[in-house]
PDB file of all heavy atoms in Angstrom:
ATOM      1  N   ALA A   1     -23.188 -19.488  -4.258  1.00  0.00           N
ATOM      2  CA  ALA A   1     -22.071 -18.564  -4.460  1.00  0.00           C
ATOM      3  C   ALA A   1     -20.765 -19.200  -4.009  1.00  0.00           C
ATOM      4  O   ALA A   1     -19.755 -19.136  -4.707  1.00  0.00           O
ATOM      5  CB  ALA A   1     -22.326 -17.259  -3.710  1.00  0.00           C
ATOM      6  N   VAL A   2     -20.782 -19.819  -2.841  1.00  0.00           N
ATOM      7  CA  VAL A   2     -19.569 -20.445  -2.306  1.00  0.00           C
ATOM      8  C   VAL A   2     -19.089 -21.566  -3.223  1.00  0.00           C
ATOM      9  O   VAL A   2     -17.899 -21.699  -3.500  1.00  0.00           O
ATOM     10  CB  VAL A   2     -19.810 -20.955  -0.864  1.00  0.00           C
ATOM     11  CG1 VAL A   2     -18.630 -21.775  -0.365  1.00  0.00           C
ATOM     12  CG2 VAL A   2     -20.075 -19.778   0.075  1.00  0.00           C
ATOM     13  N   GLU A   3     -20.015 -22.374  -3.727  1.00  0.00           N
ATOM     14  CA  GLU A   3     -19.636 -23.488  -4.595  1.00  0.00           C
ATOM     15  C   GLU A   3     -19.149 -23.018  -5.957  1.00  0.00           C
ATOM     16  O   GLU A   3     -18.319 -23.679  -6.579  1.00  0.00           O
ATOM     17  CB  GLU A   3     -20.815 -24.455  -4.762  1.00  0.00           C
ATOM     18  CG  GLU A   3     -21.084 -25.264  -3.499  1.00  0.00           C
ATOM     19  CD  GLU A   3     -22.287 -26.199  -3.641  1.00  0.00           C
ATOM     20  OE1 GLU A   3     -22.656 -26.500  -4.800  1.00  0.00           O
ATOM     21  OE2 GLU A   3     -22.825 -26.604  -2.610  1.00  0.00           O
ATOM     22  N   SER A   4     -19.636 -21.893  -6.443  1.00  0.00           N
ATOM     23  CA  SER A   4     -19.236 -21.382  -7.756  1.00  0.00           C
ATOM     24  C   SER A   4     -17.904 -20.645  -7.719  1.00  0.00           C
ATOM     25  O   SER A   4     -17.265 -20.480  -8.753  1.00  0.00           O
ATOM     26  CB  SER A   4     -20.306 -20.420  -8.300  1.00  0.00           C
ATOM     27  OG  SER A   4     -21.537 -21.077  -8.439  1.00  0.00           O
ATOM     28  N   ALA A   5     -17.506 -20.198  -6.549  1.00  0.00           N
ATOM     29  CA  ALA A   5     -16.307 -19.371  -6.422  1.00  0.00           C
ATOM     30  C   ALA A   5     -15.035 -20.210  -6.339  1.00  0.00           C
ATOM     31  O   ALA A   5     -15.066 -21.384  -5.988  1.00  0.00           O
ATOM     32  CB  ALA A   5     -16.432 -18.495  -5.180  1.00  0.00           C
ATOM     33  N   ASP A   6     -13.918 -19.553  -6.666  1.00  0.00           N
ATOM     34  CA  ASP A   6     -12.600 -20.180  -6.522  1.00  0.00           C
ATOM     35  C   ASP A   6     -12.068 -20.007  -5.104  1.00  0.00           C
ATOM     36  O   ASP A   6     -11.301 -20.817  -4.615  1.00  0.00           O
ATOM     37  CB  ASP A   6     -11.609 -19.547  -7.509  1.00  0.00           C
ATOM     38  CG  ASP A   6     -12.059 -19.705  -8.947  1.00  0.00           C
ATOM     39  OD1 ASP A   6     -12.173 -20.854  -9.399  1.00  0.00           O
ATOM     40  OD2 ASP A   6     -12.315 -18.677  -9.605  1.00  0.00           O
ATOM     41  N   VAL A   7     -12.466 -18.913  -4.473  1.00  0.00           N
ATOM     42  CA  VAL A   7     -12.004 -18.563  -3.136  1.00  0.00           C
ATOM     43  C   VAL A   7     -13.223 -18.210  -2.300  1.00  0.00           C
ATOM     44  O   VAL A   7     -14.128 -17.535  -2.787  1.00  0.00           O
ATOM     45  CB  VAL A   7     -11.055 -17.339  -3.170  1.00  0.00           C
ATOM     46  CG1 VAL A   7     -10.629 -16.927  -1.776  1.00  0.00           C
ATOM     47  CG2 VAL A   7      -9.850 -17.601  -4.051  1.00  0.00           C
ATOM     48  N   ALA A   8     -13.266 -18.669  -1.065  1.00  0.00           N
ATOM     49  CA  ALA A   8     -14.362 -18.288  -0.166  1.00  0.00           C
ATOM     50  C   ALA A   8     -13.775 -17.754   1.134  1.00  0.00           C
ATOM     51  O   ALA A   8     -12.994 -18.437   1.794  1.00  0.00           O
ATOM     52  CB  ALA A   8     -15.260 -19.488   0.123  1.00  0.00           C
ATOM     53  N   PHE A   9     -14.124 -16.526   1.466  1.00  0.00           N
ATOM     54  CA  PHE A   9     -13.717 -15.942   2.737  1.00  0.00           C
ATOM     55  C   PHE A   9     -14.727 -16.358   3.792  1.00  0.00           C
ATOM     56  O   PHE A   9     -15.932 -16.341   3.543  1.00  0.00           O
ATOM     57  CB  PHE A   9     -13.675 -14.415   2.644  1.00  0.00           C
ATOM     58  CG  PHE A   9     -12.460 -13.880   1.952  1.00  0.00           C
ATOM     59  CD1 PHE A   9     -12.466 -13.649   0.588  1.00  0.00           C
ATOM     60  CD2 PHE A   9     -11.302 -13.616   2.660  1.00  0.00           C
ATOM     61  CE1 PHE A   9     -11.348 -13.162  -0.057  1.00  0.00           C
ATOM     62  CE2 PHE A   9     -10.174 -13.130   2.027  1.00  0.00           C
ATOM     63  CZ  PHE A   9     -10.199 -12.898   0.666  1.00  0.00           C
ATOM     64  N   THR A  10     -14.242 -16.738   4.958  1.00  0.00           N
ATOM     65  CA  THR A  10     -15.159 -17.116   6.026  1.00  0.00           C
ATOM     66  C   THR A  10     -15.710 -15.884   6.726  1.00  0.00           C
ATOM     67  O   THR A  10     -16.757 -15.948   7.348  1.00  0.00           O
ATOM     68  CB  THR A  10     -14.465 -18.023   7.068  1.00  0.00           C
ATOM     69  OG1 THR A  10     -13.310 -17.354   7.561  1.00  0.00           O
ATOM     70  CG2 THR A  10     -14.071 -19.340   6.437  1.00  0.00           C
ATOM     71  N   GLY A  11     -15.029 -14.771   6.605  1.00  0.00           N
ATOM     72  CA  GLY A  11     -15.514 -13.533   7.214  1.00  0.00           C
ATOM     73  C   GLY A  11     -16.288 -12.706   6.212  1.00  0.00           C
ATOM     74  O   GLY A  11     -16.356 -13.026   5.029  1.00  0.00           O
ATOM     75  N   HIS A  12     -16.869 -11.616   6.680  1.00  0.00           N
ATOM     76  CA  HIS A  12     -17.633 -10.738   5.802  1.00  0.00           C
ATOM     77  C   HIS A  12     -17.000  -9.362   5.661  1.00  0.00           C
ATOM     78  O   HIS A  12     -17.537  -8.505   4.978  1.00  0.00           O
ATOM     79  CB  HIS A  12     -19.072 -10.601   6.316  1.00  0.00           C
ATOM     80  CG  HIS A  12     -19.159  -9.933   7.654  1.00  0.00           C
ATOM     81  ND1 HIS A  12     -18.989 -10.626   8.820  1.00  0.00           N
ATOM     82  CD2 HIS A  12     -19.363  -8.641   7.981  1.00  0.00           C
ATOM     83  CE1 HIS A  12     -19.100  -9.780   9.838  1.00  0.00           C
ATOM     84  NE2 HIS A  12     -19.324  -8.575   9.358  1.00  0.00           N
ATOM     85  N   ASP A  13     -15.848  -9.153   6.296  1.00  0.00           N
ATOM     86  CA  ASP A  13     -15.170  -7.857   6.248  1.00  0.00           C
ATOM     87  C   ASP A  13     -14.493  -7.691   4.887  1.00  0.00           C
ATOM     88  O   ASP A  13     -13.569  -8.421   4.548  1.00  0.00           O
ATOM     89  CB  ASP A  13     -14.135  -7.787   7.381  1.00  0.00           C
ATOM     90  CG  ASP A  13     -13.549  -6.397   7.545  1.00  0.00           C
ATOM     91  OD1 ASP A  13     -13.487  -5.642   6.557  1.00  0.00           O
ATOM     92  OD2 ASP A  13     -13.136  -6.067   8.672  1.00  0.00           O
ATOM     93  N   LEU A  14     -14.944  -6.718   4.099  1.00  0.00           N
ATOM     94  CA  LEU A  14     -14.408  -6.504   2.751  1.00  0.00           C
ATOM     95  C   LEU A  14     -12.940  -6.096   2.745  1.00  0.00           C
ATOM     96  O   LEU A  14     -12.268  -6.219   1.731  1.00  0.00           O
ATOM     97  CB  LEU A  14     -15.251  -5.450   2.024  1.00  0.00           C
ATOM     98  CG  LEU A  14     -16.683  -5.864   1.705  1.00  0.00           C
ATOM     99  CD1 LEU A  14     -17.470  -4.688   1.134  1.00  0.00           C
ATOM    100  CD2 LEU A  14     -16.704  -7.030   0.741  1.00  0.00           C
ATOM    101  N   ARG A  15     -12.419  -5.614   3.880  1.00  0.00           N
ATOM    102  CA  ARG A  15     -11.004  -5.225   3.931  1.00  0.00           C
ATOM    103  C   ARG A  15     -10.090  -6.431   3.823  1.00  0.00           C
ATOM    104  O   ARG A  15      -8.893  -6.294   3.601  1.00  0.00           O
ATOM    105  CB  ARG A  15     -10.719  -4.442   5.216  1.00  0.00           C
ATOM    106  CG  ARG A  15     -11.348  -3.050   5.176  1.00  0.00           C
ATOM    107  CD  ARG A  15     -11.295  -2.386   6.512  1.00  0.00           C
ATOM    108  NE  ARG A  15     -12.041  -3.202   7.479  1.00  0.00           N
ATOM    109  CZ  ARG A  15     -12.223  -2.863   8.742  1.00  0.00           C
ATOM    110  NH1 ARG A  15     -11.726  -1.733   9.191  1.00  0.00           N
ATOM    111  NH2 ARG A  15     -12.914  -3.637   9.549  1.00  0.00           N
ATOM    112  N   LEU A  16     -10.652  -7.643   3.970  1.00  0.00           N
ATOM    113  CA  LEU A  16      -9.855  -8.853   3.764  1.00  0.00           C
ATOM    114  C   LEU A  16      -9.381  -8.960   2.316  1.00  0.00           C
ATOM    115  O   LEU A  16      -8.336  -9.553   2.035  1.00  0.00           O
ATOM    116  CB  LEU A  16     -10.675 -10.099   4.115  1.00  0.00           C
ATOM    117  CG  LEU A  16     -11.079 -10.269   5.577  1.00  0.00           C
ATOM    118  CD1 LEU A  16     -12.071 -11.418   5.724  1.00  0.00           C
ATOM    119  CD2 LEU A  16      -9.854 -10.511   6.445  1.00  0.00           C
ATOM    120  N   LEU A  17     -10.137  -8.396   1.390  1.00  0.00           N
ATOM    121  CA  LEU A  17      -9.808  -8.517  -0.035  1.00  0.00           C
ATOM    122  C   LEU A  17      -8.482  -7.848  -0.396  1.00  0.00           C
ATOM    123  O   LEU A  17      -7.601  -8.502  -0.955  1.00  0.00           O
ATOM    124  CB  LEU A  17     -10.957  -7.975  -0.885  1.00  0.00           C
ATOM    125  CG  LEU A  17     -12.288  -8.691  -0.689  1.00  0.00           C
ATOM    126  CD1 LEU A  17     -13.423  -7.908  -1.330  1.00  0.00           C
ATOM    127  CD2 LEU A  17     -12.222 -10.094  -1.239  1.00  0.00           C
ATOM    128  N   PRO A  18      -8.294  -6.544  -0.112  1.00  0.00           N
ATOM    129  CA  PRO A  18      -6.994  -5.945  -0.449  1.00  0.00           C
ATOM    130  C   PRO A  18      -5.848  -6.557   0.357  1.00  0.00           C
ATOM    131  O   PRO A  18      -4.723  -6.656  -0.141  1.00  0.00           O
ATOM    132  CB  PRO A  18      -7.182  -4.452  -0.134  1.00  0.00           C
ATOM    133  CG  PRO A  18      -8.391  -4.365   0.725  1.00  0.00           C
ATOM    134  CD  PRO A  18      -9.247  -5.547   0.396  1.00  0.00           C
ATOM    135  N   GLN A  19      -6.133  -6.995   1.592  1.00  0.00           N
ATOM    136  CA  GLN A  19      -5.079  -7.654   2.382  1.00  0.00           C
ATOM    137  C   GLN A  19      -4.643  -8.952   1.718  1.00  0.00           C
ATOM    138  O   GLN A  19      -3.460  -9.245   1.610  1.00  0.00           O
ATOM    139  CB  GLN A  19      -5.580  -7.932   3.799  1.00  0.00           C
ATOM    140  CG  GLN A  19      -5.726  -6.703   4.670  1.00  0.00           C
ATOM    141  CD  GLN A  19      -6.312  -7.039   6.038  1.00  0.00           C
ATOM    142  OE1 GLN A  19      -6.237  -8.161   6.503  1.00  0.00           O
ATOM    143  NE2 GLN A  19      -6.892  -6.047   6.693  1.00  0.00           N
ATOM    144  N   ALA A  20      -5.627  -9.747   1.263  1.00  0.00           N
ATOM    145  CA  ALA A  20      -5.315 -11.025   0.613  1.00  0.00           C
ATOM    146  C   ALA A  20      -4.556 -10.794  -0.689  1.00  0.00           C
ATOM    147  O   ALA A  20      -3.600 -11.515  -0.999  1.00  0.00           O
ATOM    148  CB  ALA A  20      -6.594 -11.809   0.358  1.00  0.00           C
ATOM    149  N   LEU A  21      -4.953  -9.782  -1.448  1.00  0.00           N
ATOM    150  CA  LEU A  21      -4.283  -9.484  -2.708  1.00  0.00           C
ATOM    151  C   LEU A  21      -2.841  -9.053  -2.466  1.00  0.00           C
ATOM    152  O   LEU A  21      -1.918  -9.518  -3.151  1.00  0.00           O
ATOM    153  CB  LEU A  21      -5.049  -8.399  -3.466  1.00  0.00           C
ATOM    154  CG  LEU A  21      -4.480  -7.997  -4.815  1.00  0.00           C
ATOM    155  CD1 LEU A  21      -4.423  -9.189  -5.772  1.00  0.00           C
ATOM    156  CD2 LEU A  21      -5.298  -6.866  -5.420  1.00  0.00           C
ATOM    157  N   ALA A  22      -2.634  -8.182  -1.496  1.00  0.00           N
ATOM    158  CA  ALA A  22      -1.274  -7.735  -1.179  1.00  0.00           C
ATOM    159  C   ALA A  22      -0.416  -8.908  -0.716  1.00  0.00           C
ATOM    160  O   ALA A  22       0.754  -9.035  -1.097  1.00  0.00           O
ATOM    161  CB  ALA A  22      -1.313  -6.645  -0.097  1.00  0.00           C
ATOM    162  N   HIS A  23      -1.007  -9.786   0.102  1.00  0.00           N
ATOM    163  CA  HIS A  23      -0.270 -10.952   0.600  1.00  0.00           C
ATOM    164  C   HIS A  23       0.100 -11.890  -0.555  1.00  0.00           C
ATOM    165  O   HIS A  23       1.221 -12.411  -0.618  1.00  0.00           O
ATOM    166  CB  HIS A  23      -1.108 -11.684   1.645  1.00  0.00           C
ATOM    167  CG  HIS A  23      -0.392 -12.787   2.338  1.00  0.00           C
ATOM    168  ND1 HIS A  23       0.720 -12.577   3.133  1.00  0.00           N
ATOM    169  CD2 HIS A  23      -0.609 -14.128   2.361  1.00  0.00           C
ATOM    170  CE1 HIS A  23       1.151 -13.738   3.603  1.00  0.00           C
ATOM    171  NE2 HIS A  23       0.355 -14.691   3.147  1.00  0.00           N
ATOM    172  N   ALA A  24      -0.827 -12.100  -1.487  1.00  0.00           N
ATOM    173  CA  ALA A  24      -0.558 -12.974  -2.631  1.00  0.00           C
ATOM    174  C   ALA A  24       0.539 -12.394  -3.523  1.00  0.00           C
ATOM    175  O   ALA A  24       1.428 -13.123  -3.981  1.00  0.00           O
ATOM    176  CB  ALA A  24      -1.838 -13.183  -3.431  1.00  0.00           C
ATOM    177  N   ARG A  25       0.492 -11.093  -3.758  1.00  0.00           N
ATOM    178  CA  ARG A  25       1.524 -10.456  -4.589  1.00  0.00           C
ATOM    179  C   ARG A  25       2.900 -10.554  -3.920  1.00  0.00           C
ATOM    180  O   ARG A  25       3.908 -10.796  -4.577  1.00  0.00           O
ATOM    181  CB  ARG A  25       1.163  -8.990  -4.839  1.00  0.00           C
ATOM    182  CG  ARG A  25       0.040  -8.829  -5.834  1.00  0.00           C
ATOM    183  CD  ARG A  25      -0.333  -7.377  -6.016  1.00  0.00           C
ATOM    184  NE  ARG A  25      -1.229  -7.220  -7.154  1.00  0.00           N
ATOM    185  CZ  ARG A  25      -1.878  -6.096  -7.443  1.00  0.00           C
ATOM    186  NH1 ARG A  25      -1.732  -5.039  -6.667  1.00  0.00           N
ATOM    187  NH2 ARG A  25      -2.664  -6.031  -8.482  1.00  0.00           N
ATOM    188  N   ARG A  26       2.910 -10.363  -2.620  1.00  0.00           N
ATOM    189  CA  ARG A  26       4.177 -10.462  -1.882  1.00  0.00           C
ATOM    190  C   ARG A  26       4.709 -11.891  -1.928  1.00  0.00           C
ATOM    191  O   ARG A  26       5.902 -12.118  -2.130  1.00  0.00           O
ATOM    192  CB  ARG A  26       3.936 -10.020  -0.433  1.00  0.00           C
ATOM    193  CG  ARG A  26       5.191  -9.946   0.402  1.00  0.00           C
ATOM    194  CD  ARG A  26       4.883  -9.202   1.705  1.00  0.00           C
ATOM    195  NE  ARG A  26       6.033  -9.247   2.567  1.00  0.00           N
ATOM    196  CZ  ARG A  26       6.244 -10.187   3.480  1.00  0.00           C
ATOM    197  NH1 ARG A  26       5.369 -11.152   3.651  1.00  0.00           N
ATOM    198  NH2 ARG A  26       7.321 -10.171   4.228  1.00  0.00           N
ATOM    199  N   GLY A  27       3.819 -12.871  -1.745  1.00  0.00           N
ATOM    200  CA  GLY A  27       4.229 -14.272  -1.813  1.00  0.00           C
ATOM    201  C   GLY A  27       4.787 -14.634  -3.176  1.00  0.00           C
ATOM    202  O   GLY A  27       5.790 -15.348  -3.286  1.00  0.00           O
ATOM    203  N   ARG A  28       4.152 -14.118  -4.222  1.00  0.00           N
ATOM    204  CA  ARG A  28       4.641 -14.398  -5.581  1.00  0.00           C
ATOM    205  C   ARG A  28       6.028 -13.784  -5.798  1.00  0.00           C
ATOM    206  O   ARG A  28       6.903 -14.398  -6.419  1.00  0.00           O
ATOM    207  CB  ARG A  28       3.649 -13.849  -6.599  1.00  0.00           C
ATOM    208  CG  ARG A  28       4.070 -14.136  -8.016  1.00  0.00           C
ATOM    209  CD  ARG A  28       3.041 -13.665  -9.017  1.00  0.00           C
ATOM    210  NE  ARG A  28       3.527 -13.945 -10.352  1.00  0.00           N
ATOM    211  CZ  ARG A  28       2.751 -14.056 -11.396  1.00  0.00           C
ATOM    212  NH1 ARG A  28       1.450 -13.952 -11.252  1.00  0.00           N
ATOM    213  NH2 ARG A  28       3.250 -14.284 -12.571  1.00  0.00           N
ATOM    214  N   ALA A  29       6.233 -12.565  -5.303  1.00  0.00           N
ATOM    215  CA  ALA A  29       7.543 -11.919  -5.440  1.00  0.00           C
ATOM    216  C   ALA A  29       8.624 -12.725  -4.729  1.00  0.00           C
ATOM    217  O   ALA A  29       9.732 -12.900  -5.252  1.00  0.00           O
ATOM    218  CB  ALA A  29       7.483 -10.493  -4.884  1.00  0.00           C
ATOM    219  N   ILE A  30       8.304 -13.243  -3.546  1.00  0.00           N
ATOM    220  CA  ILE A  30       9.274 -14.049  -2.793  1.00  0.00           C
ATOM    221  C   ILE A  30       9.579 -15.347  -3.538  1.00  0.00           C
ATOM    222  O   ILE A  30      10.734 -15.763  -3.631  1.00  0.00           O
ATOM    223  CB  ILE A  30       8.751 -14.327  -1.366  1.00  0.00           C
ATOM    224  CG1 ILE A  30       8.774 -13.032  -0.543  1.00  0.00           C
ATOM    225  CG2 ILE A  30       9.572 -15.419  -0.677  1.00  0.00           C
ATOM    226  CD1 ILE A  30       8.069 -13.120   0.791  1.00  0.00           C
ATOM    227  N   MET A  31       8.542 -15.997  -4.090  1.00  0.00           N
ATOM    228  CA  MET A  31       8.769 -17.221  -4.860  1.00  0.00           C
ATOM    229  C   MET A  31       9.648 -16.955  -6.075  1.00  0.00           C
ATOM    230  O   MET A  31      10.543 -17.740  -6.397  1.00  0.00           O
ATOM    231  CB  MET A  31       7.439 -17.837  -5.303  1.00  0.00           C
ATOM    232  CG  MET A  31       6.680 -18.518  -4.190  1.00  0.00           C
ATOM    233  SD  MET A  31       5.269 -19.476  -4.777  1.00  0.00           S
ATOM    234  CE  MET A  31       4.214 -18.209  -5.414  1.00  0.00           C
ATOM    235  N   THR A  32       9.413 -15.828  -6.748  1.00  0.00           N
ATOM    236  CA  THR A  32      10.220 -15.474  -7.918  1.00  0.00           C
ATOM    237  C   THR A  32      11.676 -15.271  -7.516  1.00  0.00           C
ATOM    238  O   THR A  32      12.589 -15.734  -8.205  1.00  0.00           O
ATOM    239  CB  THR A  32       9.659 -14.206  -8.594  1.00  0.00           C
ATOM    240  OG1 THR A  32       8.301 -14.446  -8.960  1.00  0.00           O
ATOM    241  CG2 THR A  32      10.464 -13.831  -9.819  1.00  0.00           C
ATOM    242  N   GLN A  33      11.899 -14.589  -6.398  1.00  0.00           N
ATOM    243  CA  GLN A  33      13.263 -14.399  -5.901  1.00  0.00           C
ATOM    244  C   GLN A  33      13.943 -15.743  -5.663  1.00  0.00           C
ATOM    245  O   GLN A  33      15.104 -15.942  -6.028  1.00  0.00           O
ATOM    246  CB  GLN A  33      13.246 -13.603  -4.593  1.00  0.00           C
ATOM    247  CG  GLN A  33      12.824 -12.164  -4.718  1.00  0.00           C
ATOM    248  CD  GLN A  33      12.559 -11.527  -3.359  1.00  0.00           C
ATOM    249  OE1 GLN A  33      12.771 -12.132  -2.307  1.00  0.00           O
ATOM    250  NE2 GLN A  33      12.055 -10.301  -3.383  1.00  0.00           N
ATOM    251  N   ASN A  34      13.211 -16.667  -5.030  1.00  0.00           N
ATOM    252  CA  ASN A  34      13.780 -17.976  -4.714  1.00  0.00           C
ATOM    253  C   ASN A  34      14.116 -18.777  -5.973  1.00  0.00           C
ATOM    254  O   ASN A  34      15.150 -19.439  -6.034  1.00  0.00           O
ATOM    255  CB  ASN A  34      12.842 -18.776  -3.822  1.00  0.00           C
ATOM    256  CG  ASN A  34      12.864 -18.285  -2.383  1.00  0.00           C
ATOM    257  OD1 ASN A  34      13.750 -17.538  -1.989  1.00  0.00           O
ATOM    258  ND2 ASN A  34      11.885 -18.687  -1.599  1.00  0.00           N
ATOM    259  N   VAL A  35      13.249 -18.712  -6.971  1.00  0.00           N
ATOM    260  CA  VAL A  35      13.507 -19.434  -8.223  1.00  0.00           C
ATOM    261  C   VAL A  35      14.733 -18.847  -8.920  1.00  0.00           C
ATOM    262  O   VAL A  35      15.610 -19.587  -9.385  1.00  0.00           O
ATOM    263  CB  VAL A  35      12.266 -19.394  -9.147  1.00  0.00           C
ATOM    264  CG1 VAL A  35      12.600 -19.881 -10.544  1.00  0.00           C
ATOM    265  CG2 VAL A  35      11.140 -20.235  -8.553  1.00  0.00           C
ATOM    266  N   VAL A  36      14.807 -17.523  -9.003  1.00  0.00           N
ATOM    267  CA  VAL A  36      15.950 -16.866  -9.651  1.00  0.00           C
ATOM    268  C   VAL A  36      17.248 -17.218  -8.925  1.00  0.00           C
ATOM    269  O   VAL A  36      18.257 -17.553  -9.553  1.00  0.00           O
ATOM    270  CB  VAL A  36      15.744 -15.334  -9.708  1.00  0.00           C
ATOM    271  CG1 VAL A  36      17.021 -14.623 -10.112  1.00  0.00           C
ATOM    272  CG2 VAL A  36      14.616 -15.001 -10.671  1.00  0.00           C
ATOM    273  N   LEU A  37      17.233 -17.169  -7.592  1.00  0.00           N
ATOM    274  CA  LEU A  37      18.423 -17.506  -6.809  1.00  0.00           C
ATOM    275  C   LEU A  37      18.838 -18.952  -7.039  1.00  0.00           C
ATOM    276  O   LEU A  37      20.025 -19.241  -7.247  1.00  0.00           O
ATOM    277  CB  LEU A  37      18.161 -17.264  -5.317  1.00  0.00           C
ATOM    278  CG  LEU A  37      19.289 -17.633  -4.353  1.00  0.00           C
ATOM    279  CD1 LEU A  37      20.529 -16.808  -4.635  1.00  0.00           C
ATOM    280  CD2 LEU A  37      18.853 -17.460  -2.915  1.00  0.00           C
TER     281      LEU A  37
END
């Protein structure tokens, strides 16, 4: 499973998933702001 996946979480807490998604979306928004500026 780990080798087939694009991302591997070292923990088993499923709440890491929405946190990671929110963080990625926020990072993308910041990058977009920087490119536009």
